[in-house]
C-alpha atoms as a PDB file:
ATOM      1  CA  UNK A   1      -0.085  -0.207  -0.030  1.00  0.00           C
ATOM      2  CA  UNK A   2       1.032   3.612  -1.195  1.00  0.00           C
ATOM      3  CA  UNK A   3       0.446   6.018   1.456  1.00  0.00           C
ATOM      4  CA  UNK A   4      -1.424   9.707   0.147  1.00  0.00           C
ATOM      5  CA  UNK A   5      -0.054  12.342   1.300  1.00  0.00           C
ATOM      6  CA  UNK A   6      -2.031  15.452   0.027  1.00  0.00           C
ATOM      7  CA  UNK A   7      -0.139  18.356  -1.500  1.00  0.00           C
ATOM      8  CA  UNK A   8      -2.721  20.715   0.043  1.00  0.00           C
ATOM      9  CA  UNK A   9      -0.898  20.254   3.588  1.00  0.00           C
ATOM     10  CA  UNK A  10      -4.389  20.888   5.852  1.00  0.00           C
ATOM     11  CA  UNK A  11      -5.922  17.735   4.495  1.00  0.00           C
ATOM     12  CA  UNK A  12      -2.920  15.697   6.302  1.00  0.00           C
ATOM     13  CA  UNK A  13      -2.625  15.172   9.976  1.00  0.00           C
ATOM     14  CA  UNK A  14      -0.564  12.972  12.505  1.00  0.00           C
ATOM     15  CA  UNK A  15      -1.690   9.894  13.580  1.00  0.00           C
ATOM     16  CA  UNK A  16      -1.981  10.910  16.949  1.00  0.00           C
ATOM     17  CA  UNK A  17      -3.957  14.010  16.119  1.00  0.00           C
ATOM     18  CA  UNK A  18      -6.301  11.997  14.203  1.00  0.00           C
ATOM     19  CA  UNK A  19      -6.933   9.284  17.082  1.00  0.00           C
ATOM     20  CA  UNK A  20      -7.540  11.967  19.314  1.00  0.00           C
ATOM     21  CA  UNK A  21     -10.004  13.975  16.993  1.00  0.00           C
ATOM     22  CA  UNK A  22     -11.972  10.049  17.030  1.00  0.00           C
ATOM     23  CA  UNK A  23     -12.349  10.660  20.858  1.00  0.00           C
ATOM     24  CA  UNK A  24     -13.265  14.171  20.550  1.00  0.00           C
ATOM     25  CA  UNK A  25     -15.873  13.932  18.128  1.00  0.00           C
ATOM     26  CA  UNK A  26     -17.658  10.747  20.095  1.00  0.00           C
ATOM     27  CA  UNK A  27     -17.583  13.317  22.904  1.00  0.00           C
ATOM     28  CA  UNK A  28     -20.302  15.239  21.465  1.00  0.00           C
ATOM     29  CA  UNK A  29     -22.138  12.128  19.786  1.00  0.00           C
ATOM     30  CA  UNK A  30     -20.989  12.560  16.275  1.00  0.00           C
ATOM     31  CA  UNK A  31     -21.081   9.384  14.305  1.00  0.00           C
ATOM     32  CA  UNK A  32     -17.589   7.529  14.027  1.00  0.00           C
ATOM     33  CA  UNK A  33     -17.312   4.135  11.898  1.00  0.00           C
ATOM     34  CA  UNK A  34     -13.633   4.181  12.372  1.00  0.00           C
ATOM     35  CA  UNK A  35     -10.290   6.060  11.207  1.00  0.00           C
ATOM     36  CA  UNK A  36      -9.111   5.437   7.447  1.00  0.00           C
ATOM     37  CA  UNK A  37      -6.195   6.135   5.360  1.00  0.00           C
ATOM     38  CA  UNK A  38      -6.341   7.334   2.435  1.00  0.00           C
ATOM     39  CA  UNK A  39      -3.915   5.035  -0.582  1.00  0.00           C
ATOM     40  CA  UNK A  40      -2.564   6.637  -3.621  1.00  0.00           C
ATOM     41  CA  UNK A  41      -5.265   4.831  -5.455  1.00  0.00           C
ATOM     42  CA  UNK A  42      -8.033   6.902  -3.488  1.00  0.00           C
ATOM     43  CA  UNK A  43      -9.070   3.750  -1.271  1.00  0.00           C
ATOM     44  CA  UNK A  44      -9.587   3.956   2.518  1.00  0.00           C
ATOM     45  CA  UNK A  45      -7.647   1.610   4.497  1.00  0.00           C
ATOM     46  CA  UNK A  46      -9.223   0.824   8.039  1.00  0.00           C
ATOM     47  CA  UNK A  47      -7.045   1.404  11.027  1.00  0.00           C
ATOM     48  CA  UNK A  48      -6.694  -2.040  11.652  1.00  0.00           C
ATOM     49  CA  UNK A  49      -5.401  -2.991   8.445  1.00  0.00           C
ATOM     50  CA  UNK A  50      -3.249   0.387   8.077  1.00  0.00           C
ATOM     51  CA  UNK A  51      -1.424  -0.276  11.536  1.00  0.00           C
ATOM     52  CA  UNK A  52      -0.393  -3.713   9.946  1.00  0.00           C
ATOM     53  CA  UNK A  53       1.728  -1.993   7.081  1.00  0.00           C
ATOM     54  CA  UNK A  54       5.097  -1.476   8.306  1.00  0.00           C
ATOM     55  CA  UNK A  55       5.542   1.599   5.768  1.00  0.00           C
ATOM     56  CA  UNK A  56       2.455   3.377   7.961  1.00  0.00           C
ATOM     57  CA  UNK A  57       4.230   2.158  11.191  1.00  0.00           C
ATOM     58  CA  UNK A  58       7.608   4.014  10.082  1.00  0.00           C
ATOM     59  CA  UNK A  59       5.368   6.913   8.957  1.00  0.00           C
ATOM     60  CA  UNK A  60       3.348   7.135  12.578  1.00  0.00           C
ATOM     61  CA  UNK A  61       6.706   6.673  14.112  1.00  0.00           C
ATOM     62  CA  UNK A  62       8.464   9.745  12.667  1.00  0.00           C
ATOM     63  CA  UNK A  63       4.966  12.006  12.882  1.00  0.00           C
ATOM     64  CA  UNK A  64       4.717  11.976   9.296  1.00  0.00           C
ATOM     65  CA  UNK A  65       1.513  13.858   8.214  1.00  0.00           C
ATOM     66  CA  UNK A  66      -0.911  11.485   6.270  1.00  0.00           C
ATOM     67  CA  UNK A  67      -4.364  11.871   4.742  1.00  0.00           C
ATOM     68  CA  UNK A  68      -6.468  10.347   7.424  1.00  0.00           C
ATOM     69  CA  UNK A  69     -10.395  10.602   7.217  1.00  0.00           C
ATOM     70  CA  UNK A  70     -13.370   9.752   9.602  1.00  0.00           C
ATOM     71  CA  UNK A  71     -15.965   7.538   8.463  1.00  0.00           C
ATOM     72  CA  UNK A  72     -19.373   9.121   9.796  1.00  0.00           C
ATOM     73  CA  UNK A  73     -21.949   7.351   7.815  1.00  0.00           C
ATOM     74  CA  UNK A  74     -22.046   3.677   7.016  1.00  0.00           C
ATOM     75  CA  UNK A  75     -24.117   2.658   4.511  1.00  0.00           C
ATOM     76  CA  UNK A  76     -24.625  -0.672   3.065  1.00  0.00           C
ATOM     77  CA  UNK A  77     -23.257  -1.514  -0.370  1.00  0.00           C
ATOM     78  CA  UNK A  78     -25.635  -1.301  -3.134  1.00  0.00           C
ATOM     79  CA  UNK A  79     -26.582  -4.887  -3.777  1.00  0.00           C
ATOM     80  CA  UNK A  80     -28.418  -4.082  -7.137  1.00  0.00           C
ATOM     81  CA  UNK A  81     -25.439  -3.240  -8.877  1.00  0.00           C
ATOM     82  CA  UNK A  82     -21.723  -4.206  -8.415  1.00  0.00           C
ATOM     83  CA  UNK A  83     -20.541  -1.119 -10.405  1.00  0.00           C
ATOM     84  CA  UNK A  84     -22.179   1.009  -7.815  1.00  0.00           C
ATOM     85  CA  UNK A  85     -19.550   1.252  -4.679  1.00  0.00           C
ATOM     86  CA  UNK A  86     -20.378   2.055  -1.341  1.00  0.00           C
ATOM     87  CA  UNK A  87     -21.527   5.436  -0.502  1.00  0.00           C
ATOM     88  CA  UNK A  88     -20.310   6.211   2.855  1.00  0.00           C
ATOM     89  CA  UNK A  89     -19.609   9.516   4.204  1.00  0.00           C
ATOM     90  CA  UNK A  90     -15.958  10.592   5.632  1.00  0.00           C
ATOM     91  CA  UNK A  91     -14.667  13.688   7.014  1.00  0.00           C
ATOM     92  CA  UNK A  92     -11.026  14.988   6.435  1.00  0.00           C
ATOM     93  CA  UNK A  93      -9.098  15.031   9.877  1.00  0.00           C
ATOM     94  CA  UNK A  94      -6.867  17.559   8.911  1.00  0.00           C
ATOM     95  CA  UNK A  95      -9.570  19.891   7.430  1.00  0.00           C
ATOM     96  CA  UNK A  96     -11.467  19.429  11.023  1.00  0.00           C
ATOM     97  CA  UNK A  97      -8.229  20.169  12.963  1.00  0.00           C
ATOM     98  CA  UNK A  98      -7.831  23.433  10.683  1.00  0.00           C
ATOM     99  CA  UNK A  99     -11.726  24.364  11.599  1.00  0.00           C
ATOM    100  CA  UNK A 100     -10.744  24.002  15.131  1.00  0.00           C
ATOM    101  CA  UNK A 101      -7.176  26.095  15.047  1.00  0.00           C
ATOM    102  CA  UNK A 102      -8.774  28.703  12.437  1.00  0.00           C
ATOM    103  CA  UNK A 103     -11.630  29.340  14.984  1.00  0.00           C
ATOM    104  CA  UNK A 104      -9.335  29.778  18.046  1.00  0.00           C
ATOM    105  CA  UNK A 105     -10.057  30.970  20.688  1.00  0.00           C
ATOM    106  CA  UNK A 106     -13.783  30.095  20.017  1.00  0.00           C
ATOM    107  CA  UNK A 107     -13.649  26.331  20.783  1.00  0.00           C
ATOM    108  CA  UNK A 108     -17.155  26.214  21.428  1.00  0.00           C
ATOM    109  CA  UNK A 109     -18.069  27.522  17.806  1.00  0.00           C
ATOM    110  CA  UNK A 110     -15.533  25.402  16.480  1.00  0.00           C
ATOM    111  CA  UNK A 111     -17.311  22.202  17.942  1.00  0.00           C
ATOM    112  CA  UNK A 112     -20.695  23.697  16.901  1.00  0.00           C
ATOM    113  CA  UNK A 113     -19.437  24.075  13.440  1.00  0.00           C
ATOM    114  CA  UNK A 114     -17.679  20.353  13.203  1.00  0.00           C
ATOM    115  CA  UNK A 115     -21.374  19.115  14.520  1.00  0.00           C
ATOM    116  CA  UNK A 116     -23.291  21.308  11.787  1.00  0.00           C
ATOM    117  CA  UNK A 117     -21.081  19.883   9.365  1.00  0.00           C
ATOM    118  CA  UNK A 118     -21.701  16.247   9.543  1.00  0.00           C
ATOM    119  CA  UNK A 119     -25.562  17.248  10.119  1.00  0.00           C
ATOM    120  CA  UNK A 120     -26.550  20.026   7.816  1.00  0.00           C
ATOM    121  CA  UNK A 121     -29.930  21.354   9.064  1.00  0.00           C
ATOM    122  CA  UNK A 122     -29.185  20.717  12.857  1.00  0.00           C
ATOM    123  CA  UNK A 123     -30.700  22.965  15.399  1.00  0.00           C
ATOM    124  CA  UNK A 124     -28.570  25.141  17.375  1.00  0.00           C
ATOM    125  CA  UNK A 125     -30.313  23.712  20.775  1.00  0.00           C
ATOM    126  CA  UNK A 126     -29.393  20.004  19.496  1.00  0.00           C
ATOM    127  CA  UNK A 127     -25.670  21.325  19.049  1.00  0.00           C
ATOM    128  CA  UNK A 128     -26.055  23.114  22.858  1.00  0.00           C
ATOM    129  CA  UNK A 129     -27.159  19.942  24.429  1.00  0.00           C
ATOM    130  CA  UNK A 130     -24.419  17.467  22.646  1.00  0.00           C
ATOM    131  CA  UNK A 131     -21.911  20.320  24.012  1.00  0.00           C
ATOM    132  CA  UNK A 132     -23.487  20.052  27.359  1.00  0.00           C
ATOM    133  CA  UNK A 133     -23.503  16.343  27.658  1.00  0.00           C
ATOM    134  CA  UNK A 134     -19.714  16.310  27.574  1.00  0.00           C
ATOM    135  CA  UNK A 135     -18.596  14.902  30.747  1.00  0.00           C
ATOM    136  CA  UNK A 136     -18.327  18.128  33.452  1.00  0.00           C
ATOM    137  CA  UNK A 137     -19.965  20.661  31.385  1.00  0.00           C
ATOM    138  CA  UNK A 138     -23.123  21.050  32.454  1.00  0.00           C
ATOM    139  CA  UNK A 139     -21.778  21.213  35.990  1.00  0.00           C
ATOM    140  CA  UNK A 140     -19.320  23.765  34.966  1.00  0.00           C
ATOM    141  CA  UNK A 141     -21.897  26.186  33.485  1.00  0.00           C
ATOM    142  CA  UNK A 142     -24.175  25.861  36.207  1.00  0.00           C
ATOM    143  CA  UNK A 143     -21.257  26.669  38.643  1.00  0.00           C
ATOM    144  CA  UNK A 144     -20.460  29.555  36.641  1.00  0.00           C
ATOM    145  CA  UNK A 145     -23.728  30.777  36.451  1.00  0.00           C
ATOM    146  CA  UNK A 146     -24.573  30.561  40.263  1.00  0.00           C
ATOM    147  CA  UNK A 147     -21.186  32.179  41.047  1.00  0.00           C
ATOM    148  CA  UNK A 148     -21.927  35.151  38.508  1.00  0.00           C
ATOM    149  CA  UNK A 149     -25.479  35.463  40.185  1.00  0.00           C
ATOM    150  CA  UNK A 150     -24.237  35.398  43.623  1.00  0.00           C
ATOM    151  CA  UNK A 151     -21.359  37.572  42.967  1.00  0.00           C
ATOM    152  CA  UNK A 152     -23.607  40.408  41.277  1.00  0.00           C
END
């Protein structure tokens, strides 16, 4: 397998950053059906498979940025035609990391944008409830409201 490294540097990321983004996306209830690596033919190779490849292991060890994607929609193959490939949806890790970096220090806005990108038409209250459902977030928010109220 030949690893694809995009000429557009924002499409590439380090493996450790890709793994972390998978965990972060799960915190806000974004679907994740696995981390994949794009090869030079345009196929997506599952994490289980690419971690067995020596070339990939070497690139991970040297923190080489590669074109990782996260599958967030898992559709069954079209059984009516072998010519029609699976129509899964993937999101590029590097582009998501770029959204977060570009929106600093507005992390709340960056998370909201990632949720909206995966769920077009999602209502703002649903986005807020996903963010507040992260461990400790609602408690901290309530604590901040109480502190502000009592200190007024």
